Amino acid sequence: MKKVITSVVDGGDYMEVSATYAQQITCGFARVDGHTIGIVSNQPQILAGVLDIESSEKAARSCARAMPLTCPSLRSSTCRASWPGTDQEFGGIIRHGAKLLYAFCEATVPRISIITRKAYGGAYVVMNSKSIGADLAFAWPPPRSRFMGASGAVEIVHRRDLAKSETPDILRKELTEEYEERYSNPYLAAERGFIDDVIDPAETRRIIARSLDILRGKREELPKRKHGNVPL
């Protein structure tokens, strides 16, 4: 993902913050067309880019850091899901993940989202999706963004059919392929407004620059004398 970022920003200069901590998330600052932007991105080479307690807090701090500097936020997603397991649950993954959700929802700066690969479940939603107020959202073809992975969905939705089948492995494969073809189509997501456009990866820099120009005059004010309840 860092190679993708440096190929998009001015001069390939990307100033990463906390590079050795929670490496499945990369956060930092760069410039596009001479304007400073804050970047939060999943790093799929580390733990498949999943969100856990540490990475959620790291990303939330990065969002909060960009706000006082009025830096537009660019989020790139290749996130499969949140990290499962009792250790994460007992440690408060929901509470810490809510910090990231809160940070994005509270942000008043321009917010741009790019889905480069897979984006599943709640981890996709909290990473600056259109559902929580991203100004513009784009996707590289063929992205996969949905509530859960195809194999898991098939096991739940078609559980009875699989149990009755004499060849469950063959049926499972057919149903998984059908689910992928029907629900993983990026153009269906665009049709329903979850993303604004499916873009050519080679056009990413131009589209980001144009989007920043469109959002340059964005003004969004939070209610006066109203304070949110930050997850602790």
C-alpha atoms as a PDB file:
ATOM      1  CA  MET A   1       0.000   0.000   0.000  1.00  0.00           C
ATOM      2  CA  LYS A   2       2.911   2.361   0.661  1.00  0.00           C
ATOM      3  CA  LYS A   3       3.996   1.895  -2.956  1.00  0.00           C
ATOM      4  CA  VAL A   4       0.499   2.876  -4.058  1.00  0.00           C
ATOM      5  CA  ILE A   5       0.553   5.964  -1.844  1.00  0.00           C
ATOM      6  CA  THR A   6       3.994   7.144  -3.018  1.00  0.00           C
ATOM      7  CA  SER A   7       2.946   6.686  -6.654  1.00  0.00           C
ATOM      8  CA  VAL A   8      -0.019   9.031  -6.111  1.00  0.00           C
ATOM      9  CA  VAL A   9       1.368  11.854  -3.937  1.00  0.00           C
ATOM     10  CA  ASP A  10       3.651  14.703  -4.990  1.00  0.00           C
ATOM     11  CA  GLY A  11       7.248  13.624  -5.525  1.00  0.00           C
ATOM     12  CA  GLY A  12       6.579  10.252  -3.927  1.00  0.00           C
ATOM     13  CA  ASP A  13       7.065  11.890  -0.509  1.00  0.00           C
ATOM     14  CA  TYR A  14       5.003  10.233   2.209  1.00  0.00           C
ATOM     15  CA  MET A  15       5.684  11.102   5.868  1.00  0.00           C
ATOM     16  CA  GLU A  16       4.471   8.109   7.832  1.00  0.00           C
ATOM     17  CA  VAL A  17       3.584   8.432  11.515  1.00  0.00           C
ATOM     18  CA  SER A  18       4.145   5.601  14.032  1.00  0.00           C
ATOM     19  CA  ALA A  19       5.494   3.373  11.279  1.00  0.00           C
ATOM     20  CA  THR A  20       6.514   0.493  13.564  1.00  0.00           C
ATOM     21  CA  TYR A  21       3.301   0.368  15.621  1.00  0.00           C
ATOM     22  CA  ALA A  22       0.200  -1.547  14.443  1.00  0.00           C
ATOM     23  CA  GLN A  23       1.712  -1.962  10.997  1.00  0.00           C
ATOM     24  CA  GLN A  24      -1.488  -3.275   9.432  1.00  0.00           C
ATOM     25  CA  ILE A  25      -2.523   0.382   9.346  1.00  0.00           C
ATOM     26  CA  THR A  26      -0.380   3.086   7.773  1.00  0.00           C
ATOM     27  CA  CYS A  27      -1.024   6.729   8.659  1.00  0.00           C
ATOM     28  CA  GLY A  28       0.762   9.900   7.678  1.00  0.00           C
ATOM     29  CA  PHE A  29       0.852  13.068   5.633  1.00  0.00           C
ATOM     30  CA  ALA A  30       1.638  13.903   2.018  1.00  0.00           C
ATOM     31  CA  ARG A  31       0.844  16.467  -0.647  1.00  0.00           C
ATOM     32  CA  VAL A  32      -1.312  16.279  -3.742  1.00  0.00           C
ATOM     33  CA  ASP A  33      -1.089  19.233  -6.115  1.00  0.00           C
ATOM     34  CA  GLY A  34       0.813  21.079  -3.398  1.00  0.00           C
ATOM     35  CA  HIS A  35      -1.922  20.688  -0.779  1.00  0.00           C
ATOM     36  CA  THR A  36      -1.311  18.726   2.420  1.00  0.00           C
ATOM     37  CA  ILE A  37      -3.561  15.736   3.082  1.00  0.00           C
ATOM     38  CA  GLY A  38      -3.832  13.210   5.908  1.00  0.00           C
ATOM     39  CA  ILE A  39      -3.761   9.545   4.882  1.00  0.00           C
ATOM     40  CA  VAL A  40      -5.156   6.493   6.666  1.00  0.00           C
ATOM     41  CA  SER A  41      -4.859   3.165   4.888  1.00  0.00           C
ATOM     42  CA  ASN A  42      -4.982  -0.541   5.603  1.00  0.00           C
ATOM     43  CA  GLN A  43      -1.755  -2.423   4.871  1.00  0.00           C
ATOM     44  CA  PRO A  44      -2.751  -5.866   3.501  1.00  0.00           C
ATOM     45  CA  GLN A  45       0.790  -7.257   3.716  1.00  0.00           C
ATOM     46  CA  ILE A  46       0.503  -7.220   7.525  1.00  0.00           C
ATOM     47  CA  LEU A  47      -2.268  -9.420   9.002  1.00  0.00           C
ATOM     48  CA  ALA A  48      -4.268  -8.843   5.794  1.00  0.00           C
ATOM     49  CA  GLY A  49      -4.883  -5.254   6.921  1.00  0.00           C
ATOM     50  CA  VAL A  50      -7.466  -6.228   9.538  1.00  0.00           C
ATOM     51  CA  LEU A  51      -8.469  -3.857  12.311  1.00  0.00           C
ATOM     52  CA  ASP A  52      -7.612  -4.759  15.888  1.00  0.00           C
ATOM     53  CA  ILE A  53      -7.385  -2.702  19.085  1.00  0.00           C
ATOM     54  CA  GLU A  54      -3.983  -1.173  18.344  1.00  0.00           C
ATOM     55  CA  SER A  55      -4.644  -0.354  14.680  1.00  0.00           C
ATOM     56  CA  SER A  56      -8.066   1.149  15.484  1.00  0.00           C
ATOM     57  CA  GLU A  57      -6.537   3.484  18.051  1.00  0.00           C
ATOM     58  CA  LYS A  58      -3.686   4.385  15.703  1.00  0.00           C
ATOM     59  CA  ALA A  59      -6.084   5.302  12.902  1.00  0.00           C
ATOM     60  CA  ALA A  60      -8.344   7.231  15.294  1.00  0.00           C
ATOM     61  CA  ARG A  61      -5.407   9.293  16.565  1.00  0.00           C
ATOM     62  CA  SER A  62      -4.371  10.027  12.991  1.00  0.00           C
ATOM     63  CA  CYS A  63      -7.848  11.327  12.165  1.00  0.00           C
ATOM     64  CA  ALA A  64      -7.883  13.480  15.293  1.00  0.00           C
ATOM     65  CA  ARG A  65      -4.412  14.792  14.436  1.00  0.00           C
ATOM     66  CA  ALA A  66      -5.487  15.937  10.969  1.00  0.00           C
ATOM     67  CA  MET A  67      -8.534  17.846  12.228  1.00  0.00           C
ATOM     68  CA  PRO A  68      -6.749  20.813  13.925  1.00  0.00           C
ATOM     69  CA  LEU A  69      -4.491  21.095  10.858  1.00  0.00           C
ATOM     70  CA  THR A  70      -7.581  21.166   8.585  1.00  0.00           C
ATOM     71  CA  CYS A  71      -5.991  18.512   6.381  1.00  0.00           C
ATOM     72  CA  PRO A  72      -8.345  16.739   3.989  1.00  0.00           C
ATOM     73  CA  SER A  73      -8.529  13.042   4.834  1.00  0.00           C
ATOM     74  CA  LEU A  74      -7.775  10.349   2.252  1.00  0.00           C
ATOM     75  CA  ARG A  75      -8.645   6.817   3.279  1.00  0.00           C
ATOM     76  CA  SER A  76      -7.693   3.758   1.253  1.00  0.00           C
ATOM     77  CA  SER A  77      -9.244   0.437   2.169  1.00  0.00           C
ATOM     78  CA  THR A  78      -8.073  -3.119   1.645  1.00  0.00           C
ATOM     79  CA  CYS A  79      -9.657  -4.333   4.850  1.00  0.00           C
ATOM     80  CA  ARG A  80     -11.117  -7.817   5.206  1.00  0.00           C
ATOM     81  CA  ALA A  81     -12.658  -7.365   8.657  1.00  0.00           C
ATOM     82  CA  SER A  82     -11.975  -6.770  12.326  1.00  0.00           C
ATOM     83  CA  TRP A  83      -9.598  -9.171  14.055  1.00  0.00           C
ATOM     84  CA  PRO A  84     -11.585 -12.018  15.690  1.00  0.00           C
ATOM     85  CA  GLY A  85     -10.846 -13.770  18.951  1.00  0.00           C
ATOM     86  CA  THR A  86     -11.608 -13.688  22.646  1.00  0.00           C
ATOM     87  CA  ASP A  87      -8.434 -11.719  23.429  1.00  0.00           C
ATOM     88  CA  GLN A  88      -9.660  -8.863  21.256  1.00  0.00           C
ATOM     89  CA  GLU A  89     -13.178  -9.069  22.665  1.00  0.00           C
ATOM     90  CA  PHE A  90     -12.008  -9.087  26.279  1.00  0.00           C
ATOM     91  CA  GLY A  91      -9.631  -6.219  25.458  1.00  0.00           C
ATOM     92  CA  GLY A  92     -12.529  -4.128  24.138  1.00  0.00           C
ATOM     93  CA  ILE A  93     -12.285  -4.277  20.328  1.00  0.00           C
ATOM     94  CA  ILE A  94     -15.812  -2.862  19.998  1.00  0.00           C
ATOM     95  CA  ARG A  95     -15.022   0.071  22.265  1.00  0.00           C
ATOM     96  CA  HIS A  96     -11.693   0.801  20.617  1.00  0.00           C
ATOM     97  CA  GLY A  97     -13.165   0.367  17.142  1.00  0.00           C
ATOM     98  CA  ALA A  98     -15.820   2.903  18.123  1.00  0.00           C
ATOM     99  CA  LYS A  99     -13.036   5.454  18.631  1.00  0.00           C
ATOM    100  CA  LEU A 100     -12.172   5.191  14.947  1.00  0.00           C
ATOM    101  CA  LEU A 101     -15.836   5.443  13.968  1.00  0.00           C
ATOM    102  CA  TYR A 102     -16.232   8.498  16.202  1.00  0.00           C
ATOM    103  CA  ALA A 103     -13.094  10.153  14.799  1.00  0.00           C
ATOM    104  CA  PHE A 104     -14.298   9.906  11.206  1.00  0.00           C
ATOM    105  CA  CYS A 105     -17.855  10.970  12.037  1.00  0.00           C
ATOM    106  CA  GLU A 106     -16.598  13.988  13.975  1.00  0.00           C
ATOM    107  CA  ALA A 107     -14.276  15.154  11.176  1.00  0.00           C
ATOM    108  CA  THR A 108     -15.381  18.293   9.347  1.00  0.00           C
ATOM    109  CA  VAL A 109     -12.536  18.310   6.803  1.00  0.00           C
ATOM    110  CA  PRO A 110     -13.005  16.970   3.244  1.00  0.00           C
ATOM    111  CA  ARG A 111     -13.108  13.167   3.333  1.00  0.00           C
ATOM    112  CA  ILE A 112     -12.258  10.971   0.339  1.00  0.00           C
ATOM    113  CA  SER A 113     -12.376   7.173   0.345  1.00  0.00           C
ATOM    114  CA  ILE A 114     -10.811   4.725  -2.113  1.00  0.00           C
ATOM    115  CA  ILE A 115     -11.448   0.978  -2.004  1.00  0.00           C
ATOM    116  CA  THR A 116      -8.508  -0.751  -3.649  1.00  0.00           C
ATOM    117  CA  ARG A 117      -9.279  -4.404  -2.851  1.00  0.00           C
ATOM    118  CA  LYS A 118     -11.524  -6.121  -0.319  1.00  0.00           C
ATOM    119  CA  ALA A 119     -13.629  -4.287   2.255  1.00  0.00           C
ATOM    120  CA  TYR A 120     -15.860  -6.368   4.484  1.00  0.00           C
ATOM    121  CA  GLY A 121     -18.237  -5.877   7.371  1.00  0.00           C
ATOM    122  CA  GLY A 122     -18.061  -3.309  10.120  1.00  0.00           C
ATOM    123  CA  ALA A 123     -14.380  -2.678   9.426  1.00  0.00           C
ATOM    124  CA  TYR A 124     -15.359  -1.375   5.983  1.00  0.00           C
ATOM    125  CA  VAL A 125     -18.056   0.872   7.444  1.00  0.00           C
ATOM    126  CA  VAL A 126     -15.859   2.539  10.066  1.00  0.00           C
ATOM    127  CA  MET A 127     -13.045   3.204   7.583  1.00  0.00           C
ATOM    128  CA  ASN A 128     -14.625   6.402   6.264  1.00  0.00           C
ATOM    129  CA  SER A 129     -17.360   4.842   4.148  1.00  0.00           C
ATOM    130  CA  LYS A 130     -20.208   6.771   2.549  1.00  0.00           C
ATOM    131  CA  SER A 131     -22.448   5.384   5.297  1.00  0.00           C
ATOM    132  CA  ILE A 132     -20.693   7.540   7.889  1.00  0.00           C
ATOM    133  CA  GLY A 133     -20.376  10.675   5.805  1.00  0.00           C
ATOM    134  CA  ALA A 134     -17.455  10.361   3.386  1.00  0.00           C
ATOM    135  CA  ASP A 135     -17.784  13.144   0.812  1.00  0.00           C
ATOM    136  CA  LEU A 136     -16.579  11.068  -2.135  1.00  0.00           C
ATOM    137  CA  ALA A 137     -15.944   7.327  -2.429  1.00  0.00           C
ATOM    138  CA  PHE A 138     -14.253   5.532  -5.317  1.00  0.00           C
ATOM    139  CA  ALA A 139     -13.242   1.939  -6.012  1.00  0.00           C
ATOM    140  CA  TRP A 140     -10.688   0.171  -8.146  1.00  0.00           C
ATOM    141  CA  PRO A 141     -12.060  -2.701 -10.233  1.00  0.00           C
ATOM    142  CA  PRO A 142     -12.838  -5.310  -9.153  1.00  0.00           C
ATOM    143  CA  PRO A 143     -13.342  -4.318  -5.505  1.00  0.00           C
ATOM    144  CA  ARG A 144     -15.284  -6.437  -3.042  1.00  0.00           C
ATOM    145  CA  SER A 145     -17.268  -4.549  -0.448  1.00  0.00           C
ATOM    146  CA  ARG A 146     -20.127  -6.143   1.419  1.00  0.00           C
ATOM    147  CA  PHE A 147     -21.332  -7.207   4.846  1.00  0.00           C
ATOM    148  CA  MET A 148     -19.211 -10.384   4.938  1.00  0.00           C
ATOM    149  CA  GLY A 149     -17.162 -12.743   2.764  1.00  0.00           C
ATOM    150  CA  ALA A 150     -18.840 -15.013   0.239  1.00  0.00           C
ATOM    151  CA  SER A 151     -17.894 -18.287   1.941  1.00  0.00           C
ATOM    152  CA  GLY A 152     -19.245 -17.156   5.320  1.00  0.00           C
ATOM    153  CA  ALA A 153     -22.441 -15.800   3.788  1.00  0.00           C
ATOM    154  CA  VAL A 154     -23.085 -19.049   1.900  1.00  0.00           C
ATOM    155  CA  GLU A 155     -22.608 -21.098   5.079  1.00  0.00           C
ATOM    156  CA  ILE A 156     -25.276 -19.015   6.838  1.00  0.00           C
ATOM    157  CA  VAL A 157     -27.814 -18.334   4.085  1.00  0.00           C
ATOM    158  CA  HIS A 158     -27.712 -21.810   2.521  1.00  0.00           C
ATOM    159  CA  ARG A 159     -27.044 -23.842   5.671  1.00  0.00           C
ATOM    160  CA  ARG A 160     -30.098 -26.088   5.232  1.00  0.00           C
ATOM    161  CA  ASP A 161     -29.451 -26.705   1.538  1.00  0.00           C
ATOM    162  CA  LEU A 162     -25.857 -27.672   2.272  1.00  0.00           C
ATOM    163  CA  ALA A 163     -26.947 -30.013   5.066  1.00  0.00           C
ATOM    164  CA  LYS A 164     -29.410 -31.808   2.764  1.00  0.00           C
ATOM    165  CA  SER A 165     -27.085 -31.992  -0.242  1.00  0.00           C
ATOM    166  CA  GLU A 166     -25.343 -35.264  -1.114  1.00  0.00           C
ATOM    167  CA  THR A 167     -22.430 -33.280  -2.552  1.00  0.00           C
ATOM    168  CA  PRO A 168     -22.099 -30.289  -0.214  1.00  0.00           C
ATOM    169  CA  ASP A 169     -18.615 -29.334  -1.411  1.00  0.00           C
ATOM    170  CA  ILE A 170     -19.753 -28.977  -5.019  1.00  0.00           C
ATOM    171  CA  LEU A 171     -22.891 -27.090  -4.023  1.00  0.00           C
ATOM    172  CA  ARG A 172     -20.889 -24.833  -1.700  1.00  0.00           C
ATOM    173  CA  LYS A 173     -18.502 -23.953  -4.541  1.00  0.00           C
ATOM    174  CA  GLU A 174     -21.372 -23.199  -6.941  1.00  0.00           C
ATOM    175  CA  LEU A 175     -23.199 -21.040  -4.404  1.00  0.00           C
ATOM    176  CA  THR A 176     -20.025 -19.178  -3.490  1.00  0.00           C
ATOM    177  CA  GLU A 177     -19.292 -18.390  -7.138  1.00  0.00           C
ATOM    178  CA  GLU A 178     -22.889 -17.252  -7.648  1.00  0.00           C
ATOM    179  CA  TYR A 179     -22.684 -15.023  -4.570  1.00  0.00           C
ATOM    180  CA  GLU A 180     -19.395 -13.504  -5.731  1.00  0.00           C
ATOM    181  CA  GLU A 181     -20.776 -12.751  -9.183  1.00  0.00           C
ATOM    182  CA  ARG A 182     -24.053 -11.331  -7.931  1.00  0.00           C
ATOM    183  CA  TYR A 183     -23.058  -9.333  -4.867  1.00  0.00           C
ATOM    184  CA  SER A 184     -19.374  -8.474  -5.392  1.00  0.00           C
ATOM    185  CA  ASN A 185     -20.055  -6.412  -8.493  1.00  0.00           C
ATOM    186  CA  PRO A 186     -18.650  -2.888  -7.942  1.00  0.00           C
ATOM    187  CA  TYR A 187     -21.143  -1.413 -10.352  1.00  0.00           C
ATOM    188  CA  LEU A 188     -23.998  -2.654  -8.184  1.00  0.00           C
ATOM    189  CA  ALA A 189     -22.451  -0.786  -5.241  1.00  0.00           C
ATOM    190  CA  ALA A 190     -22.157   2.325  -7.418  1.00  0.00           C
ATOM    191  CA  GLU A 191     -25.775   1.963  -8.568  1.00  0.00           C
ATOM    192  CA  ARG A 192     -26.938   1.908  -4.944  1.00  0.00           C
ATOM    193  CA  GLY A 193     -24.822   4.885  -3.930  1.00  0.00           C
ATOM    194  CA  PHE A 194     -22.258   3.116  -1.744  1.00  0.00           C
ATOM    195  CA  ILE A 195     -19.493   4.420  -4.015  1.00  0.00           C
ATOM    196  CA  ASP A 196     -19.493   7.326  -6.447  1.00  0.00           C
ATOM    197  CA  ASP A 197     -17.498   5.743  -9.264  1.00  0.00           C
ATOM    198  CA  VAL A 198     -15.349   2.789 -10.298  1.00  0.00           C
ATOM    199  CA  ILE A 199     -12.056   4.260 -11.473  1.00  0.00           C
ATOM    200  CA  ASP A 200      -8.984   3.156 -13.394  1.00  0.00           C
ATOM    201  CA  PRO A 201      -6.092   2.809 -10.903  1.00  0.00           C
ATOM    202  CA  ALA A 202      -3.910   4.832 -13.286  1.00  0.00           C
ATOM    203  CA  GLU A 203      -6.323   7.757 -12.862  1.00  0.00           C
ATOM    204  CA  THR A 204      -6.156   7.761  -9.052  1.00  0.00           C
ATOM    205  CA  ARG A 205      -3.916  10.804  -8.651  1.00  0.00           C
ATOM    206  CA  ARG A 206      -5.895  12.899 -11.137  1.00  0.00           C
ATOM    207  CA  ILE A 207      -9.203  11.977  -9.504  1.00  0.00           C
ATOM    208  CA  ILE A 208      -7.913  12.713  -5.999  1.00  0.00           C
ATOM    209  CA  ALA A 209      -6.617  16.114  -7.135  1.00  0.00           C
ATOM    210  CA  ARG A 210      -9.936  16.921  -8.815  1.00  0.00           C
ATOM    211  CA  SER A 211     -11.873  15.766  -5.757  1.00  0.00           C
ATOM    212  CA  LEU A 212      -9.783  17.981  -3.477  1.00  0.00           C
ATOM    213  CA  ASP A 213     -10.512  20.953  -5.737  1.00  0.00           C
ATOM    214  CA  ILE A 214     -14.234  20.203  -5.561  1.00  0.00           C
ATOM    215  CA  LEU A 215     -14.150  19.928  -1.762  1.00  0.00           C
ATOM    216  CA  ARG A 216     -11.781  22.837  -1.148  1.00  0.00           C
ATOM    217  CA  GLY A 217     -14.546  25.114   0.030  1.00  0.00           C
ATOM    218  CA  LYS A 218     -16.290  22.562   2.208  1.00  0.00           C
ATOM    219  CA  ARG A 219     -17.780  24.077   5.342  1.00  0.00           C
ATOM    220  CA  GLU A 220     -19.323  21.822   7.940  1.00  0.00           C
ATOM    221  CA  GLU A 221     -20.084  22.972  11.453  1.00  0.00           C
ATOM    222  CA  LEU A 222     -20.944  20.779  14.380  1.00  0.00           C
ATOM    223  CA  PRO A 223     -23.816  21.900  16.635  1.00  0.00           C
ATOM    224  CA  LYS A 224     -22.653  24.680  18.951  1.00  0.00           C
ATOM    225  CA  ARG A 225     -22.268  23.816  22.618  1.00  0.00           C
ATOM    226  CA  LYS A 226     -22.972  20.185  21.857  1.00  0.00           C
ATOM    227  CA  HIS A 227     -20.333  17.644  22.770  1.00  0.00           C
ATOM    228  CA  GLY A 228     -20.177  14.025  21.774  1.00  0.00           C
ATOM    229  CA  ASN A 229     -19.554  11.150  24.160  1.00  0.00           C
ATOM    230  CA  VAL A 230     -16.115   9.946  23.096  1.00  0.00           C
ATOM    231  CA  PRO A 231     -15.629   6.171  23.637  1.00  0.00           C
ATOM    232  CA  LEU A 232     -13.033   5.672  26.384  1.00  0.00           C
END
